[in-house]
Amino acid sequence: MTEQYGDMNIISSPTTISVLGLGAMGVAVVRAAAAAGHGVNAWNRTPRTNDDFGLPEHVVLADSPAAAIAAADIVVICVRDHHASRSVIEQIAPEIAGRVVVNLSTGTPSQAAESAARSAGSGIRYVTGAIMVPTSMVGGEQSLVLYAGADEDLATLGPLYNSFGGTSDVVGADHAVPPAFDLAMLDIYFAGMFAHLHATALAGAYNIDPGRFLPYAQSVVETLGASLPGLSSAVEQRTYDGGEARLDMCLAFLEHIVESSREAGIDPGISELVRDASSRAMAHRAAATDWEVVAEDFLVTARSTAP
């Protein structure tokens, strides 16, 4: 059976999926594929049982990568990093002809591009994937997975799209793009979590407990979310004259955050980095310039070092 996905006809009938690597994310992939009704073979470097991994009994655990892919239509690699995934691909290369390998292992954009080039040099049909959600969301409505590769290879992955549920987003043929999206999103996520923990500690220094501060934190996160389109537009157009958040005013706020943190015995952390970036911008920009002009330092550096 086939289904239309974008401009491609996607093969979506039940099939056998092989998953190589049973860390937390690999296990989530296996469970999702099994729940979607597909046959699943799996392999892990350290041998364990289905019960050890919490996998359904019908999932077949093989004793080698070659054995795991023997009857598979789609091969998924989900190991620690691209160094480990390249080792696995080298082991299965002689056996993989005609089938698509989807590498979900994490790494940098340049590592993903190199892995794709190496696989192409070995005659392997290769797709880069990036799972953009925690393991608990894999297979559910909120799942988001990005893929890059050749159209003819992506068209065979209907069973995998079906397994993951949610959204399967094909981002083109550039294998560097899925991990670039992934790391950019994680950049926001980790910085946001760290900022919240720092802010909670700062509030706590003045006898405001975490539960009392939480609704205020959630409120300012909503305000931040509403600000993102304007920030993106300013960066895209490289114009900083909206007049809503003056550079000098924001710098003053940041100075207060840094000073208050030090008074409370708390490392200023990210706030000091943002303060310093704002101060550098003030050295050669008008005080009334929009604060988001701090992005120019990033943009200039990124454009000068782009591959």
Protein backbone atom coordinates (compact mmCIF):
# COMPACT_ATOMS: atom_id res chain seq x y z
CA MET A 1 0.00 0.00 0.00
CA THR A 2 1.19 3.54 -0.75
CA GLU A 3 0.21 6.94 0.63
CA GLN A 4 0.89 10.45 -0.61
CA TYR A 5 3.43 12.37 1.50
CA GLY A 6 4.24 15.78 0.09
CA ASP A 7 5.26 15.19 -3.51
CA MET A 8 6.13 11.54 -2.97
CA ASN A 9 4.24 8.27 -2.98
CA ILE A 10 5.22 6.64 0.30
CA ILE A 11 5.28 2.87 0.83
CA SER A 12 3.33 2.36 4.08
CA SER A 13 2.42 -1.33 4.34
CA PRO A 14 3.50 -3.31 7.42
CA THR A 15 7.08 -4.44 7.10
CA THR A 16 10.12 -5.49 9.11
CA ILE A 17 12.27 -2.83 10.72
CA SER A 18 15.69 -3.53 12.15
CA VAL A 19 16.93 -1.29 14.98
CA LEU A 20 20.63 -1.37 15.80
CA GLY A 21 21.33 0.12 19.21
CA LEU A 22 19.13 -0.21 22.28
CA GLY A 23 19.89 2.78 24.40
CA ALA A 24 16.91 4.71 25.75
CA MET A 25 16.02 6.17 22.33
CA GLY A 26 16.62 2.91 20.47
CA VAL A 27 14.27 1.11 22.84
CA ALA A 28 11.64 3.82 22.27
CA VAL A 29 11.96 3.33 18.50
CA VAL A 30 11.56 -0.45 18.85
CA ARG A 31 8.49 -0.09 21.05
CA ALA A 32 6.89 2.38 18.65
CA ALA A 33 7.55 0.18 15.61
CA ALA A 34 6.19 -2.89 17.40
CA ALA A 35 3.10 -1.00 18.58
CA ALA A 36 2.45 0.11 14.98
CA GLY A 37 2.23 -3.54 13.93
CA HIS A 38 5.58 -3.91 12.20
CA GLY A 39 7.94 -6.80 12.63
CA VAL A 40 11.02 -5.71 14.57
CA ASN A 41 14.49 -7.18 14.79
CA ALA A 42 17.01 -5.50 17.08
CA TRP A 43 20.61 -5.68 18.18
CA ASN A 44 22.56 -4.16 21.05
CA ARG A 45 26.30 -4.19 21.62
CA THR A 46 25.75 -5.55 25.15
CA PRO A 47 23.53 -8.67 24.92
CA ARG A 48 20.39 -8.58 27.06
CA THR A 49 16.91 -10.05 27.04
CA ASN A 50 13.57 -8.61 25.97
CA ASP A 51 12.62 -8.32 29.63
CA ASP A 52 15.79 -6.39 30.37
CA PHE A 53 14.81 -3.80 27.79
CA GLY A 54 11.07 -3.96 28.51
CA LEU A 55 10.35 -5.05 24.92
CA PRO A 56 7.41 -7.12 23.61
CA GLU A 57 8.12 -10.85 23.26
CA HIS A 58 7.75 -10.80 19.46
CA VAL A 59 10.70 -8.43 19.04
CA VAL A 60 13.63 -10.57 17.88
CA LEU A 61 16.97 -9.77 19.55
CA ALA A 62 19.83 -10.80 17.28
CA ASP A 63 23.38 -11.58 18.35
CA SER A 64 25.02 -9.47 15.62
CA PRO A 65 24.16 -6.50 13.39
CA ALA A 66 24.28 -8.75 10.32
CA ALA A 67 21.78 -11.17 11.85
CA ALA A 68 19.47 -8.31 12.86
CA ILE A 69 19.25 -6.91 9.32
CA ALA A 70 18.96 -10.25 7.52
CA ALA A 71 15.19 -10.03 7.03
CA ALA A 72 14.72 -6.29 7.45
CA ASP A 73 13.20 -3.94 4.90
CA ILE A 74 14.37 -0.79 6.73
CA VAL A 75 17.48 -0.53 8.90
CA VAL A 76 17.61 2.04 11.70
CA ILE A 77 20.82 2.88 13.55
CA CYS A 78 20.45 4.59 16.91
CA VAL A 79 23.73 4.48 18.79
CA ARG A 80 25.78 6.87 20.92
CA ASP A 81 27.30 9.05 18.19
CA HIS A 82 28.51 9.06 14.59
CA HIS A 83 31.82 7.41 15.47
CA ALA A 84 29.87 4.42 16.79
CA SER A 85 27.34 4.45 13.93
CA ARG A 86 30.11 4.40 11.30
CA SER A 87 31.54 1.30 12.94
CA VAL A 88 28.14 -0.39 12.78
CA ILE A 89 27.62 0.63 9.14
CA GLU A 90 31.01 -0.81 8.21
CA GLN A 91 29.93 -4.14 9.71
CA ILE A 92 26.67 -4.33 7.76
CA ALA A 93 27.79 -2.71 4.49
CA PRO A 94 28.33 -6.02 2.66
CA GLU A 95 24.80 -7.17 3.62
CA ILE A 96 22.80 -3.98 3.15
CA ALA A 97 22.55 -3.64 -0.63
CA GLY A 98 19.19 -2.33 -1.85
CA ARG A 99 17.84 -1.34 1.56
CA VAL A 100 17.77 2.06 3.21
CA VAL A 101 19.79 2.82 6.34
CA VAL A 102 18.33 5.55 8.56
CA ASN A 103 20.91 6.94 10.98
CA LEU A 104 19.24 8.51 14.04
CA SER A 105 22.48 8.80 16.03
CA THR A 106 23.23 12.23 17.43
CA GLY A 107 26.12 14.43 16.37
CA THR A 108 27.09 17.70 14.78
CA PRO A 109 25.99 18.78 11.29
CA SER A 110 29.50 18.21 9.92
CA GLN A 111 29.62 14.72 11.43
CA ALA A 112 26.27 13.88 9.85
CA ALA A 113 27.41 15.11 6.45
CA GLU A 114 30.63 13.09 6.70
CA SER A 115 28.74 9.92 7.68
CA ALA A 116 26.43 10.38 4.71
CA ALA A 117 29.38 10.89 2.34
CA ARG A 118 31.13 7.78 3.65
CA SER A 119 27.98 5.71 3.25
CA ALA A 120 27.43 6.98 -0.28
CA GLY A 121 31.02 6.03 -1.07
CA SER A 122 30.19 2.48 0.03
CA GLY A 123 27.11 2.37 -2.18
CA ILE A 124 24.68 2.51 0.77
CA ARG A 125 21.26 4.12 0.47
CA TYR A 126 21.44 6.49 3.42
CA VAL A 127 19.04 8.82 5.24
CA THR A 128 19.89 11.11 8.16
CA GLY A 129 17.23 11.44 10.85
CA ALA A 130 16.89 13.51 13.99
CA ILE A 131 14.36 12.73 16.71
CA MET A 132 13.31 16.10 18.13
CA VAL A 133 11.38 14.91 21.19
CA PRO A 134 12.08 12.99 24.42
CA THR A 135 11.71 9.20 24.42
CA SER A 136 8.29 9.43 26.11
CA MET A 137 6.85 11.21 23.04
CA VAL A 138 8.14 8.78 20.41
CA GLY A 139 5.15 7.09 18.78
CA GLY A 140 2.66 9.69 20.01
CA GLU A 141 0.88 12.69 18.55
CA GLN A 142 3.60 15.09 19.68
CA SER A 143 6.43 13.15 18.08
CA LEU A 144 8.60 15.11 15.63
CA VAL A 145 11.30 13.50 13.50
CA LEU A 146 13.29 15.19 10.73
CA TYR A 147 14.78 13.39 7.72
CA ALA A 148 17.19 14.27 4.93
CA GLY A 149 18.15 12.16 1.94
CA ALA A 150 17.33 11.27 -1.63
CA ASP A 151 13.64 11.31 -2.57
CA GLU A 152 13.69 7.69 -3.72
CA ASP A 153 15.08 6.57 -0.35
CA LEU A 154 12.74 8.73 1.71
CA ALA A 155 9.81 7.25 -0.24
CA THR A 156 10.49 3.81 1.28
CA LEU A 157 10.17 5.00 4.88
CA GLY A 158 6.38 5.02 5.29
CA PRO A 159 6.47 2.24 7.92
CA LEU A 160 8.95 4.26 9.96
CA TYR A 161 6.91 7.47 9.64
CA ASN A 162 3.89 5.45 10.71
CA SER A 163 5.74 4.06 13.71
CA PHE A 164 6.87 7.43 15.02
CA GLY A 165 3.42 9.01 14.75
CA GLY A 166 3.11 12.78 15.06
CA THR A 167 5.03 14.65 12.38
CA SER A 168 7.67 13.30 10.01
CA ASP A 169 9.31 16.30 8.38
CA VAL A 170 11.42 15.84 5.25
CA VAL A 171 13.87 18.76 5.12
CA GLY A 172 15.64 18.05 1.82
CA ALA A 173 18.80 16.31 0.69
CA ASP A 174 21.35 18.12 2.89
CA HIS A 175 22.32 15.70 5.64
CA ALA A 176 23.62 18.52 7.86
CA VAL A 177 20.15 20.04 8.23
CA PRO A 178 18.41 17.59 10.64
CA PRO A 179 21.14 17.81 13.32
CA ALA A 180 21.36 21.59 12.81
CA PHE A 181 17.65 21.87 13.61
CA ASP A 182 18.04 19.47 16.52
CA LEU A 183 20.96 21.26 18.15
CA ALA A 184 19.43 24.70 17.58
CA MET A 185 16.27 23.60 19.38
CA LEU A 186 18.28 22.04 22.20
CA ASP A 187 20.23 25.29 22.47
CA ILE A 188 16.99 27.05 23.38
CA TYR A 189 15.81 24.21 25.60
CA PHE A 190 18.91 23.87 27.77
CA ALA A 191 19.46 27.63 28.01
CA GLY A 192 15.82 28.03 29.03
CA MET A 193 16.02 25.33 31.69
CA PHE A 194 19.25 26.78 33.05
CA ALA A 195 17.77 30.29 33.09
CA HIS A 196 14.73 29.02 34.99
CA LEU A 197 16.88 27.27 37.59
CA HIS A 198 19.05 30.37 37.97
CA ALA A 199 16.00 32.61 38.30
CA THR A 200 14.46 30.25 40.86
CA ALA A 201 17.66 30.45 42.91
CA LEU A 202 17.72 34.25 42.64
CA ALA A 203 14.10 34.47 43.79
CA GLY A 204 14.85 31.97 46.55
CA ALA A 205 17.61 34.21 47.87
CA TYR A 206 14.82 36.63 48.79
CA ASN A 207 12.61 34.01 50.45
CA ILE A 208 10.43 33.31 47.39
CA ASP A 209 9.98 29.55 47.23
CA PRO A 210 9.97 27.70 43.86
CA GLY A 211 6.23 27.01 43.89
CA ARG A 212 5.42 30.65 44.47
CA PHE A 213 7.78 31.76 41.68
CA LEU A 214 6.64 29.15 39.14
CA PRO A 215 3.51 30.91 37.79
CA TYR A 216 5.53 34.08 37.26
CA ALA A 217 8.17 32.07 35.39
CA GLN A 218 5.50 30.47 33.21
CA SER A 219 4.04 33.88 32.47
CA VAL A 220 7.34 35.32 31.25
CA VAL A 221 7.94 32.22 29.10
CA GLU A 222 4.62 32.91 27.38
CA THR A 223 5.76 36.49 26.79
CA LEU A 224 9.02 35.18 25.35
CA GLY A 225 7.13 32.87 22.98
CA ALA A 226 5.11 35.79 21.69
CA SER A 227 8.35 37.72 21.10
CA LEU A 228 10.04 35.09 18.92
CA PRO A 229 8.44 36.05 15.58
CA GLY A 230 9.59 39.64 15.99
CA LEU A 231 13.11 38.54 16.91
CA SER A 232 13.29 36.23 13.89
CA SER A 233 12.01 38.98 11.60
CA ALA A 234 14.60 41.44 12.90
CA VAL A 235 17.41 38.96 12.28
CA GLU A 236 16.10 38.02 8.85
CA GLN A 237 15.81 41.66 7.76
CA ARG A 238 18.76 42.88 9.87
CA THR A 239 16.76 45.89 11.00
CA TYR A 240 16.72 46.95 14.64
CA ASP A 241 14.52 50.03 14.83
CA GLY A 242 11.17 48.79 16.16
CA GLY A 243 11.54 50.85 19.33
CA GLU A 244 10.03 48.29 21.73
CA ALA A 245 13.13 47.25 23.70
CA ARG A 246 15.95 49.79 23.74
CA LEU A 247 19.49 48.51 24.02
CA ASP A 248 20.36 50.86 26.89
CA MET A 249 17.25 49.90 28.87
CA CYS A 250 17.89 46.18 28.47
CA LEU A 251 21.54 46.60 29.41
CA ALA A 252 20.48 48.34 32.63
CA PHE A 253 18.16 45.42 33.50
CA LEU A 254 20.97 42.96 32.86
CA GLU A 255 23.36 44.92 35.05
CA HIS A 256 20.81 44.67 37.87
CA ILE A 257 20.43 40.90 37.39
CA VAL A 258 24.19 40.37 37.48
CA GLU A 259 24.62 42.62 40.53
CA SER A 260 21.72 41.01 42.40
CA SER A 261 23.07 37.53 41.64
CA ARG A 262 26.49 38.41 43.03
CA GLU A 263 24.93 39.98 46.13
CA ALA A 264 23.04 36.72 46.71
CA GLY A 265 26.21 34.65 46.24
CA ILE A 266 24.94 33.17 42.97
CA ASP A 267 27.04 32.86 39.82
CA PRO A 268 25.38 35.22 37.28
CA GLY A 269 25.76 32.54 34.62
CA ILE A 270 23.99 33.23 31.32
CA SER A 271 22.90 36.68 32.48
CA GLU A 272 26.52 37.85 32.57
CA LEU A 273 27.13 36.53 29.05
CA VAL A 274 24.05 38.38 27.79
CA ARG A 275 25.08 41.52 29.69
CA ASP A 276 28.53 41.42 28.09
CA ALA A 277 27.06 40.94 24.59
CA SER A 278 24.75 43.90 25.19
CA SER A 279 27.65 46.02 26.42
CA ARG A 280 29.65 45.23 23.29
CA ALA A 281 26.72 46.29 21.12
CA MET A 282 26.37 49.54 23.07
CA ALA A 283 29.98 50.37 22.24
CA HIS A 284 29.10 51.01 18.60
CA ARG A 285 25.30 51.35 18.47
CA ALA A 286 22.88 54.08 19.44
CA ALA A 287 21.21 53.63 22.84
CA ALA A 288 17.77 53.56 21.21
CA THR A 289 18.65 50.63 18.92
CA ASP A 290 16.54 47.53 19.53
CA TRP A 291 18.22 45.13 21.95
CA GLU A 292 18.12 42.24 19.44
CA VAL A 293 20.97 43.94 17.57
CA VAL A 294 23.17 41.74 19.79
CA ALA A 295 22.47 39.06 17.15
CA GLU A 296 24.81 40.87 14.77
CA ASP A 297 27.84 39.47 16.57
CA PHE A 298 26.56 35.95 15.91
CA LEU A 299 25.59 36.69 12.32
CA VAL A 300 28.94 38.19 11.37
CA THR A 301 30.83 35.26 12.91
CA ALA A 302 28.52 32.65 11.36
CA ARG A 303 28.79 34.13 7.89
CA SER A 304 32.58 34.38 8.09
CA THR A 305 32.99 30.73 9.08
CA ALA A 306 30.17 29.12 7.05
CA PRO A 307 31.24 25.96 5.18
